[in-house]
Amino acid sequence: SILAYAIKDDPKFERVDDYATGEKLGISIKKGNT
């Protein structure tokens, strides 16, 4: 999301390889604050 966005309009750069790491983004909360 960050790097593809950063280079999307610049022909000097290319996205050469992707890695399926299964990353998911979440909101962090203090432990136990249900």
PDB file of all heavy atoms in Angstrom:
ATOM      1  N   SER A   1       0.819  -1.219   0.000  1.00  0.00           N
ATOM      2  CA  SER A   1       0.000   0.000   0.000  1.00  0.00           C
ATOM      3  C   SER A   1       0.848   1.262   0.000  1.00  0.00           C
ATOM      4  O   SER A   1       0.541   2.231  -0.698  1.00  0.00           O
ATOM      5  CB  SER A   1      -0.926   0.007   1.219  1.00  0.00           C
ATOM      6  OG  SER A   1      -0.172  -0.126   2.407  1.00  0.00           O
ATOM      7  N   ILE A   2       1.942   1.248   0.752  1.00  0.00           N
ATOM      8  CA  ILE A   2       2.804   2.422   0.854  1.00  0.00           C
ATOM      9  C   ILE A   2       3.699   2.579  -0.362  1.00  0.00           C
ATOM     10  O   ILE A   2       3.736   3.627  -1.005  1.00  0.00           O
ATOM     11  CB  ILE A   2       3.676   2.335   2.125  1.00  0.00           C
ATOM     12  CG1 ILE A   2       2.792   2.410   3.381  1.00  0.00           C
ATOM     13  CG2 ILE A   2       4.719   3.447   2.139  1.00  0.00           C
ATOM     14  CD1 ILE A   2       2.055   3.697   3.556  1.00  0.00           C
ATOM     15  N   LEU A   3       4.446   1.529  -0.703  1.00  0.00           N
ATOM     16  CA  LEU A   3       5.443   1.654  -1.761  1.00  0.00           C
ATOM     17  C   LEU A   3       4.834   1.718  -3.160  1.00  0.00           C
ATOM     18  O   LEU A   3       5.315   2.464  -4.015  1.00  0.00           O
ATOM     19  CB  LEU A   3       6.458   0.516  -1.655  1.00  0.00           C
ATOM     20  CG  LEU A   3       7.325   0.562  -0.389  1.00  0.00           C
ATOM     21  CD1 LEU A   3       8.316  -0.595  -0.375  1.00  0.00           C
ATOM     22  CD2 LEU A   3       8.067   1.890  -0.273  1.00  0.00           C
ATOM     23  N   ALA A   4       3.770   0.947  -3.390  1.00  0.00           N
ATOM     24  CA  ALA A   4       3.104   1.020  -4.694  1.00  0.00           C
ATOM     25  C   ALA A   4       2.523   2.417  -4.900  1.00  0.00           C
ATOM     26  O   ALA A   4       2.574   2.979  -6.002  1.00  0.00           O
ATOM     27  CB  ALA A   4       2.009  -0.029  -4.801  1.00  0.00           C
ATOM     28  N   TYR A   5       1.987   2.983  -3.844  1.00  0.00           N
ATOM     29  CA  TYR A   5       1.439   4.345  -3.902  1.00  0.00           C
ATOM     30  C   TYR A   5       2.546   5.359  -4.179  1.00  0.00           C
ATOM     31  O   TYR A   5       2.383   6.279  -4.985  1.00  0.00           O
ATOM     32  CB  TYR A   5       0.744   4.659  -2.586  1.00  0.00           C
ATOM     33  CG  TYR A   5       0.196   6.067  -2.468  1.00  0.00           C
ATOM     34  CD1 TYR A   5      -1.063   6.389  -2.946  1.00  0.00           C
ATOM     35  CD2 TYR A   5       0.954   7.069  -1.880  1.00  0.00           C
ATOM     36  CE1 TYR A   5      -1.567   7.679  -2.833  1.00  0.00           C
ATOM     37  CE2 TYR A   5       0.469   8.360  -1.768  1.00  0.00           C
ATOM     38  CZ  TYR A   5      -0.796   8.663  -2.242  1.00  0.00           C
ATOM     39  OH  TYR A   5      -1.275   9.936  -2.138  1.00  0.00           O
ATOM     40  N   ALA A   6       3.710   5.169  -3.537  1.00  0.00           N
ATOM     41  CA  ALA A   6       4.799   6.142  -3.651  1.00  0.00           C
ATOM     42  C   ALA A   6       5.393   6.218  -5.051  1.00  0.00           C
ATOM     43  O   ALA A   6       5.844   7.282  -5.478  1.00  0.00           O
ATOM     44  CB  ALA A   6       5.901   5.807  -2.637  1.00  0.00           C
ATOM     45  N   ILE A   7       5.388   5.101  -5.794  1.00  0.00           N
ATOM     46  CA  ILE A   7       6.066   5.090  -7.103  1.00  0.00           C
ATOM     47  C   ILE A   7       5.101   5.085  -8.294  1.00  0.00           C
ATOM     48  O   ILE A   7       5.528   5.061  -9.440  1.00  0.00           O
ATOM     49  CB  ILE A   7       6.991   3.854  -7.230  1.00  0.00           C
ATOM     50  CG1 ILE A   7       6.172   2.562  -7.292  1.00  0.00           C
ATOM     51  CG2 ILE A   7       7.998   3.823  -6.089  1.00  0.00           C
ATOM     52  CD1 ILE A   7       6.960   1.345  -7.746  1.00  0.00           C
ATOM     53  N   LYS A   8       3.806   5.120  -8.018  1.00  0.00           N
ATOM     54  CA  LYS A   8       2.821   4.873  -9.079  1.00  0.00           C
ATOM     55  C   LYS A   8       2.897   5.853 -10.258  1.00  0.00           C
ATOM     56  O   LYS A   8       2.520   5.503 -11.373  1.00  0.00           O
ATOM     57  CB  LYS A   8       1.400   4.867  -8.507  1.00  0.00           C
ATOM     58  CG  LYS A   8       0.908   6.166  -7.913  1.00  0.00           C
ATOM     59  CD  LYS A   8      -0.466   5.987  -7.268  1.00  0.00           C
ATOM     60  CE  LYS A   8      -0.975   7.258  -6.623  1.00  0.00           C
ATOM     61  NZ  LYS A   8      -1.326   8.296  -7.590  1.00  0.00           N
ATOM     62  N   ASP A   9       3.411   7.058 -10.049  1.00  0.00           N
ATOM     63  CA  ASP A   9       3.465   8.036 -11.140  1.00  0.00           C
ATOM     64  C   ASP A   9       4.891   8.342 -11.588  1.00  0.00           C
ATOM     65  O   ASP A   9       5.128   9.331 -12.287  1.00  0.00           O
ATOM     66  CB  ASP A   9       2.776   9.340 -10.706  1.00  0.00           C
ATOM     67  CG  ASP A   9       1.298   9.146 -10.432  1.00  0.00           C
ATOM     68  OD1 ASP A   9       0.656   8.388 -11.184  1.00  0.00           O
ATOM     69  OD2 ASP A   9       0.786   9.737  -9.463  1.00  0.00           O
ATOM     70  N   ASP A  10       5.843   7.480 -11.183  1.00  0.00           N
ATOM     71  CA  ASP A  10       7.248   7.752 -11.492  1.00  0.00           C
ATOM     72  C   ASP A  10       7.845   6.606 -12.311  1.00  0.00           C
ATOM     73  O   ASP A  10       8.058   5.504 -11.799  1.00  0.00           O
ATOM     74  CB  ASP A  10       8.042   7.934 -10.196  1.00  0.00           C
ATOM     75  CG  ASP A  10       9.391   8.590 -10.430  1.00  0.00           C
ATOM     76  OD1 ASP A  10       9.959   8.400 -11.527  1.00  0.00           O
ATOM     77  OD2 ASP A  10       9.878   9.287  -9.528  1.00  0.00           O
ATOM     78  N   PRO A  11       8.142   6.832 -13.599  1.00  0.00           N
ATOM     79  CA  PRO A  11       8.658   5.771 -14.479  1.00  0.00           C
ATOM     80  C   PRO A  11      10.075   5.306 -14.122  1.00  0.00           C
ATOM     81  O   PRO A  11      10.544   4.302 -14.659  1.00  0.00           O
ATOM     82  CB  PRO A  11       8.634   6.419 -15.869  1.00  0.00           C
ATOM     83  CG  PRO A  11       8.730   7.890 -15.604  1.00  0.00           C
ATOM     84  CD  PRO A  11       7.978   8.113 -14.332  1.00  0.00           C
ATOM     85  N   LYS A  12      10.766   5.998 -13.228  1.00  0.00           N
ATOM     86  CA  LYS A  12      12.121   5.591 -12.834  1.00  0.00           C
ATOM     87  C   LYS A  12      12.102   4.352 -11.943  1.00  0.00           C
ATOM     88  O   LYS A  12      13.133   3.719 -11.728  1.00  0.00           O
ATOM     89  CB  LYS A  12      12.837   6.724 -12.089  1.00  0.00           C
ATOM     90  CG  LYS A  12      13.075   7.987 -12.891  1.00  0.00           C
ATOM     91  CD  LYS A  12      14.040   8.913 -12.186  1.00  0.00           C
ATOM     92  CE  LYS A  12      13.596   9.320 -10.798  1.00  0.00           C
ATOM     93  NZ  LYS A  12      12.371  10.145 -10.792  1.00  0.00           N
ATOM     94  N   PHE A  13      10.918   4.015 -11.422  1.00  0.00           N
ATOM     95  CA  PHE A  13      10.823   2.904 -10.477  1.00  0.00           C
ATOM     96  C   PHE A  13       9.839   1.853 -10.976  1.00  0.00           C
ATOM     97  O   PHE A  13       8.918   2.150 -11.734  1.00  0.00           O
ATOM     98  CB  PHE A  13      10.365   3.412  -9.104  1.00  0.00           C
ATOM     99  CG  PHE A  13      11.235   4.489  -8.538  1.00  0.00           C
ATOM    100  CD1 PHE A  13      10.835   5.817  -8.576  1.00  0.00           C
ATOM    101  CD2 PHE A  13      12.468   4.188  -7.986  1.00  0.00           C
ATOM    102  CE1 PHE A  13      11.642   6.826  -8.062  1.00  0.00           C
ATOM    103  CE2 PHE A  13      13.293   5.187  -7.475  1.00  0.00           C
ATOM    104  CZ  PHE A  13      12.873   6.503  -7.506  1.00  0.00           C
ATOM    105  N   GLU A  14      10.042   0.632 -10.502  1.00  0.00           N
ATOM    106  CA  GLU A  14       9.104  -0.435 -10.820  1.00  0.00           C
ATOM    107  C   GLU A  14       8.929  -1.361  -9.621  1.00  0.00           C
ATOM    108  O   GLU A  14       9.816  -1.487  -8.782  1.00  0.00           O
ATOM    109  CB  GLU A  14       9.582  -1.228 -12.037  1.00  0.00           C
ATOM    110  CG  GLU A  14      10.957  -1.838 -11.899  1.00  0.00           C
ATOM    111  CD  GLU A  14      11.404  -2.508 -13.184  1.00  0.00           C
ATOM    112  OE1 GLU A  14      10.535  -2.832 -14.015  1.00  0.00           O
ATOM    113  OE2 GLU A  14      12.627  -2.703 -13.356  1.00  0.00           O
ATOM    114  N   ARG A  15       7.777  -1.973  -9.579  1.00  0.00           N
ATOM    115  CA  ARG A  15       7.459  -2.954  -8.534  1.00  0.00           C
ATOM    116  C   ARG A  15       7.913  -4.301  -9.078  1.00  0.00           C
ATOM    117  O   ARG A  15       7.280  -4.878  -9.958  1.00  0.00           O
ATOM    118  CB  ARG A  15       5.954  -2.903  -8.277  1.00  0.00           C
ATOM    119  CG  ARG A  15       5.449  -3.764  -7.163  1.00  0.00           C
ATOM    120  CD  ARG A  15       3.992  -3.379  -6.918  1.00  0.00           C
ATOM    121  NE  ARG A  15       3.283  -4.376  -6.148  1.00  0.00           N
ATOM    122  CZ  ARG A  15       2.021  -4.235  -5.747  1.00  0.00           C
ATOM    123  NH1 ARG A  15       1.348  -3.136  -6.067  1.00  0.00           N
ATOM    124  NH2 ARG A  15       1.445  -5.179  -5.034  1.00  0.00           N
ATOM    125  N   VAL A  16       9.037  -4.822  -8.566  1.00  0.00           N
ATOM    126  CA  VAL A  16       9.681  -5.972  -9.204  1.00  0.00           C
ATOM    127  C   VAL A  16       9.274  -7.324  -8.619  1.00  0.00           C
ATOM    128  O   VAL A  16       9.387  -8.350  -9.305  1.00  0.00           O
ATOM    129  CB  VAL A  16      11.222  -5.835  -9.165  1.00  0.00           C
ATOM    130  CG1 VAL A  16      11.657  -4.613  -9.944  1.00  0.00           C
ATOM    131  CG2 VAL A  16      11.738  -5.777  -7.729  1.00  0.00           C
ATOM    132  N   ASP A  17       8.831  -7.369  -7.349  1.00  0.00           N
ATOM    133  CA  ASP A  17       8.483  -8.656  -6.757  1.00  0.00           C
ATOM    134  C   ASP A  17       7.553  -8.446  -5.562  1.00  0.00           C
ATOM    135  O   ASP A  17       7.695  -7.466  -4.822  1.00  0.00           O
ATOM    136  CB  ASP A  17       9.754  -9.377  -6.298  1.00  0.00           C
ATOM    137  CG  ASP A  17       9.612 -10.886  -6.291  1.00  0.00           C
ATOM    138  OD1 ASP A  17       8.548 -11.381  -6.698  1.00  0.00           O
ATOM    139  OD2 ASP A  17      10.570 -11.570  -5.881  1.00  0.00           O
ATOM    140  N   ASP A  18       6.602  -9.355  -5.418  1.00  0.00           N
ATOM    141  CA  ASP A  18       5.662  -9.307  -4.293  1.00  0.00           C
ATOM    142  C   ASP A  18       5.842 -10.539  -3.423  1.00  0.00           C
ATOM    143  O   ASP A  18       6.259 -11.606  -3.907  1.00  0.00           O
ATOM    144  CB  ASP A  18       4.211  -9.253  -4.794  1.00  0.00           C
ATOM    145  CG  ASP A  18       3.892  -7.969  -5.543  1.00  0.00           C
ATOM    146  OD1 ASP A  18       4.534  -6.942  -5.248  1.00  0.00           O
ATOM    147  OD2 ASP A  18       3.015  -8.008  -6.425  1.00  0.00           O
ATOM    148  N   TYR A  19       5.509 -10.403  -2.145  1.00  0.00           N
ATOM    149  CA  TYR A  19       5.672 -11.501  -1.196  1.00  0.00           C
ATOM    150  C   TYR A  19       4.381 -11.673  -0.395  1.00  0.00           C
ATOM    151  O   TYR A  19       3.986 -10.775   0.353  1.00  0.00           O
ATOM    152  CB  TYR A  19       6.858 -11.231  -0.262  1.00  0.00           C
ATOM    153  CG  TYR A  19       8.087 -10.818  -1.046  1.00  0.00           C
ATOM    154  CD1 TYR A  19       8.465  -9.472  -1.115  1.00  0.00           C
ATOM    155  CD2 TYR A  19       8.821 -11.750  -1.768  1.00  0.00           C
ATOM    156  CE1 TYR A  19       9.563  -9.083  -1.870  1.00  0.00           C
ATOM    157  CE2 TYR A  19       9.914 -11.365  -2.533  1.00  0.00           C
ATOM    158  CZ  TYR A  19      10.285 -10.037  -2.576  1.00  0.00           C
ATOM    159  OH  TYR A  19      11.358  -9.652  -3.338  1.00  0.00           O
ATOM    160  N   ALA A  20       3.742 -12.810  -0.597  1.00  0.00           N
ATOM    161  CA  ALA A  20       2.469 -13.087   0.060  1.00  0.00           C
ATOM    162  C   ALA A  20       2.723 -13.512   1.506  1.00  0.00           C
ATOM    163  O   ALA A  20       2.883 -14.689   1.816  1.00  0.00           O
ATOM    164  CB  ALA A  20       1.702 -14.169  -0.688  1.00  0.00           C
ATOM    165  N   THR A  21       2.806 -12.532   2.368  1.00  0.00           N
ATOM    166  CA  THR A  21       3.107 -12.796   3.777  1.00  0.00           C
ATOM    167  C   THR A  21       1.848 -12.924   4.636  1.00  0.00           C
ATOM    168  O   THR A  21       1.940 -13.220   5.819  1.00  0.00           O
ATOM    169  CB  THR A  21       3.982 -11.655   4.348  1.00  0.00           C
ATOM    170  OG1 THR A  21       3.329 -10.398   4.103  1.00  0.00           O
ATOM    171  CG2 THR A  21       5.343 -11.642   3.673  1.00  0.00           C
ATOM    172  N   GLY A  22       0.691 -12.689   4.019  1.00  0.00           N
ATOM    173  CA  GLY A  22      -0.563 -12.808   4.773  1.00  0.00           C
ATOM    174  C   GLY A  22      -0.774 -11.704   5.780  1.00  0.00           C
ATOM    175  O   GLY A  22      -1.519 -11.869   6.751  1.00  0.00           O
ATOM    176  N   GLU A  23      -0.134 -10.568   5.564  1.00  0.00           N
ATOM    177  CA  GLU A  23      -0.258  -9.462   6.527  1.00  0.00           C
ATOM    178  C   GLU A  23      -1.656  -8.852   6.517  1.00  0.00           C
ATOM    179  O   GLU A  23      -2.238  -8.618   5.464  1.00  0.00           O
ATOM    180  CB  GLU A  23       0.760  -8.366   6.219  1.00  0.00           C
ATOM    181  CG  GLU A  23       2.182  -8.763   6.552  1.00  0.00           C
ATOM    182  CD  GLU A  23       3.110  -7.579   6.489  1.00  0.00           C
ATOM    183  OE1 GLU A  23       2.809  -6.546   7.111  1.00  0.00           O
ATOM    184  OE2 GLU A  23       4.145  -7.698   5.815  1.00  0.00           O
ATOM    185  N   LYS A  24      -2.142  -8.596   7.709  1.00  0.00           N
ATOM    186  CA  LYS A  24      -3.425  -7.918   7.884  1.00  0.00           C
ATOM    187  C   LYS A  24      -3.233  -6.789   8.868  1.00  0.00           C
ATOM    188  O   LYS A  24      -2.530  -6.932   9.872  1.00  0.00           O
ATOM    189  CB  LYS A  24      -4.490  -8.901   8.387  1.00  0.00           C
ATOM    190  CG  LYS A  24      -4.815 -10.018   7.387  1.00  0.00           C
ATOM    191  CD  LYS A  24      -5.880 -10.955   7.927  1.00  0.00           C
ATOM    192  CE  LYS A  24      -6.151 -12.097   6.953  1.00  0.00           C
ATOM    193  NZ  LYS A  24      -6.750 -11.616   5.685  1.00  0.00           N
ATOM    194  N   LEU A  25      -3.839  -5.657   8.578  1.00  0.00           N
ATOM    195  CA  LEU A  25      -3.697  -4.485   9.426  1.00  0.00           C
ATOM    196  C   LEU A  25      -4.826  -4.421  10.444  1.00  0.00           C
ATOM    197  O   LEU A  25      -5.979  -4.730  10.134  1.00  0.00           O
ATOM    198  CB  LEU A  25      -3.699  -3.209   8.582  1.00  0.00           C
ATOM    199  CG  LEU A  25      -2.704  -3.152   7.416  1.00  0.00           C
ATOM    200  CD1 LEU A  25      -2.777  -1.788   6.737  1.00  0.00           C
ATOM    201  CD2 LEU A  25      -1.290  -3.454   7.886  1.00  0.00           C
ATOM    202  N   GLY A  26      -4.482  -4.018  11.660  1.00  0.00           N
ATOM    203  CA  GLY A  26      -5.488  -3.878  12.705  1.00  0.00           C
ATOM    204  C   GLY A  26      -5.213  -2.668  13.582  1.00  0.00           C
ATOM    205  O   GLY A  26      -4.138  -2.061  13.518  1.00  0.00           O
ATOM    206  N   ILE A  27      -6.174  -2.321  14.395  1.00  0.00           N
ATOM    207  CA  ILE A  27      -6.048  -1.224  15.359  1.00  0.00           C
ATOM    208  C   ILE A  27      -5.626  -1.831  16.688  1.00  0.00           C
ATOM    209  O   ILE A  27      -6.252  -2.773  17.172  1.00  0.00           O
ATOM    210  CB  ILE A  27      -7.382  -0.470  15.501  1.00  0.00           C
ATOM    211  CG1 ILE A  27      -7.755   0.192  14.165  1.00  0.00           C
ATOM    212  CG2 ILE A  27      -7.309   0.578  16.615  1.00  0.00           C
ATOM    213  CD1 ILE A  27      -9.157   0.761  14.123  1.00  0.00           C
ATOM    214  N   SER A  28      -4.544  -1.323  17.286  1.00  0.00           N
ATOM    215  CA  SER A  28      -4.055  -1.896  18.536  1.00  0.00           C
ATOM    216  C   SER A  28      -4.659  -1.188  19.738  1.00  0.00           C
ATOM    217  O   SER A  28      -4.909   0.022  19.723  1.00  0.00           O
ATOM    218  CB  SER A  28      -2.527  -1.851  18.601  1.00  0.00           C
ATOM    219  OG  SER A  28      -2.058  -0.537  18.774  1.00  0.00           O
ATOM    220  N   ILE A  29      -4.896  -1.988  20.776  1.00  0.00           N
ATOM    221  CA  ILE A  29      -5.584  -1.545  21.979  1.00  0.00           C
ATOM    222  C   ILE A  29      -4.845  -2.124  23.176  1.00  0.00           C
ATOM    223  O   ILE A  29      -4.272  -3.220  23.084  1.00  0.00           O
ATOM    224  CB  ILE A  29      -7.049  -2.048  21.970  1.00  0.00           C
ATOM    225  CG1 ILE A  29      -7.782  -1.508  20.729  1.00  0.00           C
ATOM    226  CG2 ILE A  29      -7.805  -1.659  23.234  1.00  0.00           C
ATOM    227  CD1 ILE A  29      -8.743  -2.472  20.110  1.00  0.00           C
ATOM    228  N   LYS A  30      -4.849  -1.426  24.277  1.00  0.00           N
ATOM    229  CA  LYS A  30      -4.162  -1.904  25.476  1.00  0.00           C
ATOM    230  C   LYS A  30      -4.664  -3.286  25.872  1.00  0.00           C
ATOM    231  O   LYS A  30      -5.861  -3.569  25.819  1.00  0.00           O
ATOM    232  CB  LYS A  30      -4.358  -0.919  26.633  1.00  0.00           C
ATOM    233  CG  LYS A  30      -3.449  -1.188  27.827  1.00  0.00           C
ATOM    234  CD  LYS A  30      -3.542  -0.065  28.845  1.00  0.00           C
ATOM    235  CE  LYS A  30      -2.583  -0.313  29.994  1.00  0.00           C
ATOM    236  NZ  LYS A  30      -2.616   0.786  30.990  1.00  0.00           N
ATOM    237  N   LYS A  31      -3.738  -4.154  26.245  1.00  0.00           N
ATOM    238  CA  LYS A  31      -4.055  -5.530  26.604  1.00  0.00           C
ATOM    239  C   LYS A  31      -5.162  -5.582  27.668  1.00  0.00           C
ATOM    240  O   LYS A  31      -5.095  -4.912  28.692  1.00  0.00           O
ATOM    241  CB  LYS A  31      -2.798  -6.212  27.149  1.00  0.00           C
ATOM    242  CG  LYS A  31      -2.835  -7.732  27.144  1.00  0.00           C
ATOM    243  CD  LYS A  31      -2.649  -8.271  25.751  1.00  0.00           C
ATOM    244  CE  LYS A  31      -2.536  -9.799  25.770  1.00  0.00           C
ATOM    245  NZ  LYS A  31      -2.567 -10.352  24.404  1.00  0.00           N
ATOM    246  N   GLY A  32      -6.196  -6.357  27.375  1.00  0.00           N
ATOM    247  CA  GLY A  32      -7.273  -6.550  28.337  1.00  0.00           C
ATOM    248  C   GLY A  32      -8.409  -5.550  28.260  1.00  0.00           C
ATOM    249  O   GLY A  32      -9.413  -5.698  28.956  1.00  0.00           O
ATOM    250  N   ASN A  33      -8.286  -4.534  27.402  1.00  0.00           N
ATOM    251  CA  ASN A  33      -9.344  -3.527  27.283  1.00  0.00           C
ATOM    252  C   ASN A  33     -10.401  -4.032  26.292  1.00  0.00           C
ATOM    253  O   ASN A  33     -10.513  -3.563  25.161  1.00  0.00           O
ATOM    254  CB  ASN A  33      -8.757  -2.195  26.820  1.00  0.00           C
ATOM    255  CG  ASN A  33      -9.750  -1.040  26.944  1.00  0.00           C
ATOM    256  OD1 ASN A  33     -10.945  -1.250  27.170  1.00  0.00           O
ATOM    257  ND2 ASN A  33      -9.249   0.173  26.809  1.00  0.00           N
ATOM    258  N   THR A  34     -11.180  -5.012  26.728  1.00  0.00           N
ATOM    259  CA  THR A  34     -12.146  -5.666  25.842  1.00  0.00           C
ATOM    260  C   THR A  34     -13.265  -4.728  25.404  1.00  0.00           C
ATOM    261  O   THR A  34     -13.776  -4.851  24.292  1.00  0.00           O
ATOM    262  CB  THR A  34     -12.749  -6.906  26.521  1.00  0.00           C
ATOM    263  OG1 THR A  34     -13.312  -6.525  27.786  1.00  0.00           O
ATOM    264  CG2 THR A  34     -11.684  -7.965  26.759  1.00  0.00           C
TER     265      THR A  34
END
